[in-house]
Amino acid sequence: MAEVSHGDEAVERGPEASSPESVPVDTTISRVKLLDTIVDTFLQKLVAPRSFERFTDCYQHFHQLDPGVTRSVYDKFVAQLQTSIREEISEIKEEGNLEAVLNSLDKIVEEGKAHGEPAWRPSGTPEKDLCSAMAPYFLQQRDTLCRRVRKQEAKNQDLADAVLAGRRQVEELQQQVQALQQAWQALHSEQKELLSVLRAPE
């Protein structure tokens, strides 16, 4: 399909479009689109021809009772699964800023195509250059994870303090109840003694 479209563009633009000085048509696919295509292909394989058969194999008795309901449950399950996977992929792309990173990588690759000589390396050692380029990213990710861990630890500490405070309140209430019970028992004993004195024969 891409070759046909490029040919049509060349026909519409005329001879000038095929001249060496003209800008070549970009036939590469961006890595963002490639990632989306991979995800779409994976999701399409979830509804492969035999996927429903495998699904019904797990629920044979239910499928025999009502095949229509089984098909409806399967369709809803697949749709929800696809939606969940797309949402997870979107969250990963947002958290890792993948679109910007992949677009930046595409830009670097395209800029590298314009240079006829090998790319210059600061240290001359690809391993060191890779570490120096990736280290800031991993350090940033580490700092982000550390902040999340500290935030979660603070929440956990607040919850622990709240639990301890609740336990102390329960203990105080138990002590108050016990004190009231002892006071009531003492009052009851005094009342019994008073009644016994009043009922005693003169």
Protein backbone atom coordinates (compact mmCIF):
# COMPACT_ATOMS: atom_id res chain seq x y z
CA MET A 1 0.00 0.00 0.00
CA ALA A 2 2.84 2.42 0.86
CA GLU A 3 4.54 1.86 -2.52
CA VAL A 4 1.33 2.62 -4.41
CA SER A 5 0.80 5.87 -2.52
CA HIS A 6 4.36 6.99 -3.17
CA GLY A 7 3.94 6.26 -6.86
CA ASP A 8 0.72 8.29 -6.99
CA GLU A 9 2.49 11.20 -5.29
CA ALA A 10 5.27 11.03 -7.87
CA VAL A 11 2.71 11.11 -10.73
CA GLU A 12 0.85 14.07 -9.26
CA ARG A 13 4.01 16.09 -8.60
CA GLY A 14 5.50 15.42 -12.01
CA PRO A 15 9.15 15.08 -13.00
CA GLU A 16 10.32 17.48 -10.32
CA ALA A 17 9.29 15.05 -7.58
CA SER A 18 11.72 12.42 -8.89
CA SER A 19 14.69 14.77 -9.16
CA PRO A 20 17.65 14.09 -6.83
CA GLU A 21 17.26 17.50 -5.22
CA SER A 22 13.69 16.80 -4.10
CA VAL A 23 12.99 15.75 -0.51
CA PRO A 24 12.61 11.93 -0.31
CA VAL A 25 9.36 10.53 0.99
CA ASP A 26 9.70 9.10 4.49
CA THR A 27 8.79 5.43 4.35
CA THR A 28 9.75 4.67 7.95
CA ILE A 29 7.16 4.06 10.63
CA SER A 30 7.51 5.95 13.87
CA ARG A 31 8.22 3.86 16.92
CA VAL A 32 5.09 5.17 18.62
CA LYS A 33 2.93 3.89 15.75
CA LEU A 34 4.91 0.66 15.72
CA LEU A 35 4.19 0.15 19.40
CA ASP A 36 0.49 0.88 18.85
CA THR A 37 0.47 -1.58 15.95
CA ILE A 38 2.06 -4.28 18.09
CA VAL A 39 -0.53 -3.71 20.81
CA ASP A 40 -3.38 -3.79 18.27
CA THR A 41 -2.03 -7.01 16.75
CA PHE A 42 -1.80 -8.59 20.17
CA LEU A 43 -5.35 -7.55 21.02
CA GLN A 44 -6.63 -8.92 17.71
CA LYS A 45 -5.09 -12.30 18.50
CA LEU A 46 -7.20 -12.41 21.64
CA VAL A 47 -10.22 -12.92 19.40
CA ALA A 48 -8.62 -15.55 17.17
CA PRO A 49 -10.98 -18.04 15.47
CA ARG A 50 -10.45 -20.74 18.10
CA SER A 51 -10.36 -18.48 21.15
CA PHE A 52 -14.13 -18.82 21.69
CA GLU A 53 -13.83 -22.60 21.43
CA ARG A 54 -11.11 -22.62 24.06
CA PHE A 55 -13.29 -20.39 26.22
CA THR A 56 -16.27 -22.73 25.93
CA ASP A 57 -14.05 -25.72 26.73
CA CYS A 58 -13.57 -24.22 30.18
CA TYR A 59 -17.33 -23.80 30.67
CA GLN A 60 -18.78 -26.73 28.75
CA HIS A 61 -21.72 -27.36 31.09
CA PHE A 62 -22.72 -23.70 31.11
CA HIS A 63 -22.30 -23.45 27.33
CA GLN A 64 -24.52 -26.48 26.77
CA LEU A 65 -27.26 -24.92 28.89
CA ASP A 66 -27.28 -21.56 27.06
CA PRO A 67 -24.83 -20.99 24.16
CA GLY A 68 -26.14 -17.46 23.56
CA VAL A 69 -25.37 -16.31 27.08
CA THR A 70 -21.94 -17.92 26.84
CA ARG A 71 -21.20 -15.97 23.67
CA SER A 72 -22.39 -12.73 25.30
CA VAL A 73 -20.20 -13.33 28.35
CA TYR A 74 -17.23 -14.10 26.10
CA ASP A 75 -17.71 -10.92 24.04
CA LYS A 76 -17.98 -8.78 27.18
CA PHE A 77 -14.96 -10.50 28.70
CA VAL A 78 -12.80 -9.93 25.60
CA ALA A 79 -13.95 -6.31 25.26
CA GLN A 80 -13.20 -5.59 28.92
CA LEU A 81 -9.84 -7.34 28.66
CA GLN A 82 -8.87 -5.32 25.60
CA THR A 83 -9.95 -2.09 27.29
CA SER A 84 -7.96 -2.94 30.42
CA ILE A 85 -4.84 -3.75 28.39
CA ARG A 86 -5.12 -0.50 26.43
CA GLU A 87 -5.51 1.46 29.68
CA GLU A 88 -2.49 -0.28 31.20
CA ILE A 89 -0.39 0.45 28.09
CA SER A 90 -1.53 4.09 28.15
CA GLU A 91 -0.55 4.42 31.82
CA ILE A 92 2.86 2.89 31.11
CA LYS A 93 3.37 5.27 28.19
CA GLU A 94 2.40 8.25 30.35
CA GLU A 95 4.49 7.25 33.36
CA GLY A 96 7.57 6.50 31.28
CA ASN A 97 6.95 9.38 28.86
CA LEU A 98 7.42 6.80 26.11
CA GLU A 99 5.98 8.85 23.28
CA ALA A 100 8.46 11.67 23.83
CA VAL A 101 11.33 9.19 24.25
CA LEU A 102 10.41 7.21 21.12
CA ASN A 103 9.88 10.38 19.07
CA SER A 104 13.24 11.64 20.27
CA LEU A 105 14.80 8.33 19.24
CA ASP A 106 13.19 8.61 15.80
CA LYS A 107 14.59 12.11 15.47
CA ILE A 108 18.08 10.94 16.45
CA VAL A 109 17.92 8.10 13.92
CA GLU A 110 16.75 10.43 11.15
CA GLU A 111 19.46 12.95 11.95
CA GLY A 112 22.03 10.13 11.92
CA LYS A 113 20.98 9.14 8.39
CA ALA A 114 22.08 12.55 7.13
CA HIS A 115 25.66 11.95 8.29
CA GLY A 116 27.79 9.81 6.03
CA GLU A 117 30.46 9.17 8.65
CA PRO A 118 30.07 7.13 11.86
CA ALA A 119 28.58 8.94 14.81
CA TRP A 120 31.05 10.56 17.16
CA ARG A 121 31.36 9.10 20.65
CA PRO A 122 32.59 11.29 23.53
CA SER A 123 34.68 8.58 25.17
CA GLY A 124 35.13 6.34 22.18
CA THR A 125 33.67 3.44 24.18
CA PRO A 126 29.99 2.69 23.40
CA GLU A 127 29.45 1.07 26.82
CA LYS A 128 30.61 4.17 28.69
CA ASP A 129 28.62 6.48 26.42
CA LEU A 130 25.50 4.38 26.90
CA CYS A 131 25.94 4.47 30.66
CA SER A 132 26.47 8.22 30.66
CA ALA A 133 23.36 8.70 28.52
CA MET A 134 21.11 6.31 30.42
CA ALA A 135 22.35 7.02 33.94
CA PRO A 136 20.37 10.30 34.32
CA TYR A 137 17.18 8.54 33.26
CA PHE A 138 17.65 5.68 35.71
CA LEU A 139 18.62 8.10 38.47
CA GLN A 140 15.44 10.04 37.78
CA GLN A 141 13.41 6.84 37.93
CA ARG A 142 15.13 5.89 41.18
CA ASP A 143 14.34 9.28 42.70
CA THR A 144 10.72 8.93 41.60
CA LEU A 145 10.46 5.47 43.15
CA CYS A 146 12.13 6.69 46.34
CA ARG A 147 9.63 9.54 46.61
CA ARG A 148 6.76 7.11 46.11
CA VAL A 149 8.21 4.76 48.72
CA ARG A 150 8.62 7.59 51.22
CA LYS A 151 5.09 8.78 50.53
CA GLN A 152 3.72 5.27 51.00
CA GLU A 153 5.75 4.80 54.17
CA ALA A 154 4.35 8.07 55.53
CA LYS A 155 0.83 6.87 54.75
CA ASN A 156 1.56 3.55 56.41
CA GLN A 157 2.90 5.34 59.47
CA ASP A 158 -0.21 7.51 59.65
CA LEU A 159 -2.37 4.40 59.43
CA ALA A 160 -0.30 2.69 62.14
CA ASP A 161 -0.61 5.76 64.38
CA ALA A 162 -4.35 5.82 63.79
CA VAL A 163 -4.59 2.13 64.68
CA LEU A 164 -2.59 2.67 67.88
CA ALA A 165 -4.73 5.67 68.79
CA GLY A 166 -7.83 3.57 68.22
CA ARG A 167 -6.45 0.81 70.42
CA ARG A 168 -5.68 3.30 73.18
CA GLN A 169 -9.22 4.65 72.98
CA VAL A 170 -10.61 1.12 73.19
CA GLU A 171 -8.41 0.39 76.22
CA GLU A 172 -9.54 3.64 77.89
CA LEU A 173 -13.17 2.78 77.21
CA GLN A 174 -12.64 -0.71 78.63
CA GLN A 175 -11.08 0.80 81.76
CA GLN A 176 -13.99 3.23 82.11
CA VAL A 177 -16.48 0.43 81.69
CA GLN A 178 -14.60 -1.67 84.24
CA ALA A 179 -14.52 1.25 86.70
CA LEU A 180 -18.25 1.86 86.24
CA GLN A 181 -18.92 -1.84 86.72
CA GLN A 182 -16.88 -1.90 89.93
CA ALA A 183 -18.65 1.25 91.18
CA TRP A 184 -22.02 -0.27 90.38
CA GLN A 185 -21.09 -3.48 92.19
CA ALA A 186 -19.93 -1.49 95.21
CA LEU A 187 -23.15 0.54 95.19
CA HIS A 188 -25.19 -2.61 94.86
CA SER A 189 -23.35 -4.16 97.82
CA GLU A 190 -23.99 -1.05 99.89
CA GLN A 191 -27.67 -1.13 98.98
CA LYS A 192 -27.91 -4.79 100.01
CA GLU A 193 -26.21 -4.04 103.32
CA LEU A 194 -28.54 -1.08 103.90
CA LEU A 195 -31.60 -3.17 103.12
CA SER A 196 -30.40 -5.92 105.45
CA VAL A 197 -29.93 -3.39 108.24
CA LEU A 198 -33.38 -1.88 107.68
CA ARG A 199 -35.04 -5.30 107.60
CA ALA A 200 -33.27 -6.55 110.72
CA PRO A 201 -35.64 -7.07 113.74
CA GLU A 202 -35.44 -4.41 116.43
